[in-house]
Amino acid sequence: MSHVIKILGTGCPKCQAMTGIVKDVIAEQHIDATVEKIENIEDIIRYNVMSTPALVINEVITIKGRVPSKNEVIALLK
């Protein structure tokens, strides 16, 4: 099953770190997924997220306001 992953954030260092971790996990674990960066503040607010970065997997907010570890991302995608 292909995952749709959205990373909500305006491009701050934490948002960039989350993006790197998610992309690394997808590549290393051979996970079928697409990654979309949502940087527009109005689009982020539509998800009712007030602290970024946030990780949305298949339209479910899984993490917000912090950078996850690789192991956390692996667990969320398995």
C-alpha atoms as a PDB file:
ATOM      1  CA  MET A   1       0.000   0.000   0.000  1.00  0.00           C
ATOM      2  CA  SER A   2       1.360   3.365  -0.988  1.00  0.00           C
ATOM      3  CA  HIS A   3       1.513   5.991   1.735  1.00  0.00           C
ATOM      4  CA  VAL A   4       0.821   9.678   1.180  1.00  0.00           C
ATOM      5  CA  ILE A   5       3.072  11.631   3.515  1.00  0.00           C
ATOM      6  CA  LYS A   6       2.739  15.355   4.068  1.00  0.00           C
ATOM      7  CA  ILE A   7       5.220  17.417   6.011  1.00  0.00           C
ATOM      8  CA  LEU A   8       3.703  20.621   7.309  1.00  0.00           C
ATOM      9  CA  GLY A   9       6.148  23.434   7.944  1.00  0.00           C
ATOM     10  CA  THR A  10       7.360  26.738   6.610  1.00  0.00           C
ATOM     11  CA  GLY A  11      10.915  25.602   5.885  1.00  0.00           C
ATOM     12  CA  CYS A  12      12.542  26.107   9.303  1.00  0.00           C
ATOM     13  CA  PRO A  13      15.531  23.926  10.285  1.00  0.00           C
ATOM     14  CA  LYS A  14      13.271  21.492  12.211  1.00  0.00           C
ATOM     15  CA  CYS A  15      11.001  21.146   9.171  1.00  0.00           C
ATOM     16  CA  GLN A  16      14.012  20.456   6.974  1.00  0.00           C
ATOM     17  CA  ALA A  17      15.305  17.895   9.478  1.00  0.00           C
ATOM     18  CA  MET A  18      11.955  16.087   9.504  1.00  0.00           C
ATOM     19  CA  THR A  19      11.878  16.037   5.705  1.00  0.00           C
ATOM     20  CA  GLY A  20      15.364  14.525   5.597  1.00  0.00           C
ATOM     21  CA  ILE A  21      14.520  11.839   8.143  1.00  0.00           C
ATOM     22  CA  VAL A  22      11.303  10.853   6.362  1.00  0.00           C
ATOM     23  CA  LYS A  23      13.015  10.669   2.965  1.00  0.00           C
ATOM     24  CA  ASP A  24      15.897   8.638   4.429  1.00  0.00           C
ATOM     25  CA  VAL A  25      13.494   6.144   6.023  1.00  0.00           C
ATOM     26  CA  ILE A  26      11.517   5.737   2.796  1.00  0.00           C
ATOM     27  CA  ALA A  27      14.702   5.073   0.813  1.00  0.00           C
ATOM     28  CA  GLU A  28      16.386   2.814   3.381  1.00  0.00           C
ATOM     29  CA  GLN A  29      13.267   0.734   4.120  1.00  0.00           C
ATOM     30  CA  HIS A  30      12.071   0.616   0.476  1.00  0.00           C
ATOM     31  CA  ILE A  31       8.666   2.007   1.467  1.00  0.00           C
ATOM     32  CA  ASP A  32       6.189   2.887  -1.264  1.00  0.00           C
ATOM     33  CA  ALA A  33       5.289   6.487  -0.465  1.00  0.00           C
ATOM     34  CA  THR A  34       5.012   9.978  -1.862  1.00  0.00           C
ATOM     35  CA  VAL A  35       6.206  12.962   0.146  1.00  0.00           C
ATOM     36  CA  GLU A  36       4.616  16.368  -0.154  1.00  0.00           C
ATOM     37  CA  LYS A  37       5.821  19.517   1.597  1.00  0.00           C
ATOM     38  CA  ILE A  38       3.045  21.854   2.734  1.00  0.00           C
ATOM     39  CA  GLU A  39       4.600  25.274   3.362  1.00  0.00           C
ATOM     40  CA  ASN A  40       1.651  27.624   2.893  1.00  0.00           C
ATOM     41  CA  ILE A  41       0.514  28.763   6.342  1.00  0.00           C
ATOM     42  CA  GLU A  42      -3.174  28.729   5.333  1.00  0.00           C
ATOM     43  CA  ASP A  43      -2.875  25.109   4.209  1.00  0.00           C
ATOM     44  CA  ILE A  44      -1.127  24.195   7.472  1.00  0.00           C
ATOM     45  CA  ILE A  45      -3.895  25.841   9.515  1.00  0.00           C
ATOM     46  CA  ARG A  46      -6.489  23.734   7.643  1.00  0.00           C
ATOM     47  CA  TYR A  47      -4.953  20.729   9.384  1.00  0.00           C
ATOM     48  CA  ASN A  48      -5.539  22.501  12.726  1.00  0.00           C
ATOM     49  CA  VAL A  49      -1.795  22.409  13.428  1.00  0.00           C
ATOM     50  CA  MET A  50      -0.363  25.319  15.385  1.00  0.00           C
ATOM     51  CA  SER A  51       3.169  24.003  15.957  1.00  0.00           C
ATOM     52  CA  THR A  52       5.394  22.765  13.168  1.00  0.00           C
ATOM     53  CA  PRO A  53       6.867  20.607  11.904  1.00  0.00           C
ATOM     54  CA  ALA A  54       3.994  18.172  11.625  1.00  0.00           C
ATOM     55  CA  LEU A  55       3.886  14.777   9.966  1.00  0.00           C
ATOM     56  CA  VAL A  56       0.682  13.671   8.253  1.00  0.00           C
ATOM     57  CA  ILE A  57       0.465  10.087   7.012  1.00  0.00           C
ATOM     58  CA  ASN A  58      -2.550   9.156   4.898  1.00  0.00           C
ATOM     59  CA  GLU A  59      -4.368  12.281   6.167  1.00  0.00           C
ATOM     60  CA  VAL A  60      -3.776  11.422   9.862  1.00  0.00           C
ATOM     61  CA  ILE A  61      -1.653  13.825  11.911  1.00  0.00           C
ATOM     62  CA  THR A  62       0.904  11.585  13.597  1.00  0.00           C
ATOM     63  CA  ILE A  63       3.503  14.003  14.985  1.00  0.00           C
ATOM     64  CA  LYS A  64       3.481  17.742  15.552  1.00  0.00           C
ATOM     65  CA  GLY A  65       5.821  20.282  17.039  1.00  0.00           C
ATOM     66  CA  ARG A  66       8.970  18.138  17.056  1.00  0.00           C
ATOM     67  CA  VAL A  67      11.353  16.155  14.893  1.00  0.00           C
ATOM     68  CA  PRO A  68      10.819  12.381  15.125  1.00  0.00           C
ATOM     69  CA  SER A  69      13.546   9.768  15.238  1.00  0.00           C
ATOM     70  CA  LYS A  70      14.046   7.417  12.313  1.00  0.00           C
ATOM     71  CA  ASN A  71      12.664   4.553  14.423  1.00  0.00           C
ATOM     72  CA  GLU A  72       9.458   6.514  15.114  1.00  0.00           C
ATOM     73  CA  VAL A  73       8.932   7.123  11.403  1.00  0.00           C
ATOM     74  CA  ILE A  74       9.611   3.461  10.594  1.00  0.00           C
ATOM     75  CA  ALA A  75       7.040   2.368  13.181  1.00  0.00           C
ATOM     76  CA  LEU A  76       4.441   4.765  11.785  1.00  0.00           C
ATOM     77  CA  LEU A  77       4.943   3.541   8.213  1.00  0.00           C
ATOM     78  CA  LYS A  78       4.974  -0.208   8.914  1.00  0.00           C
END
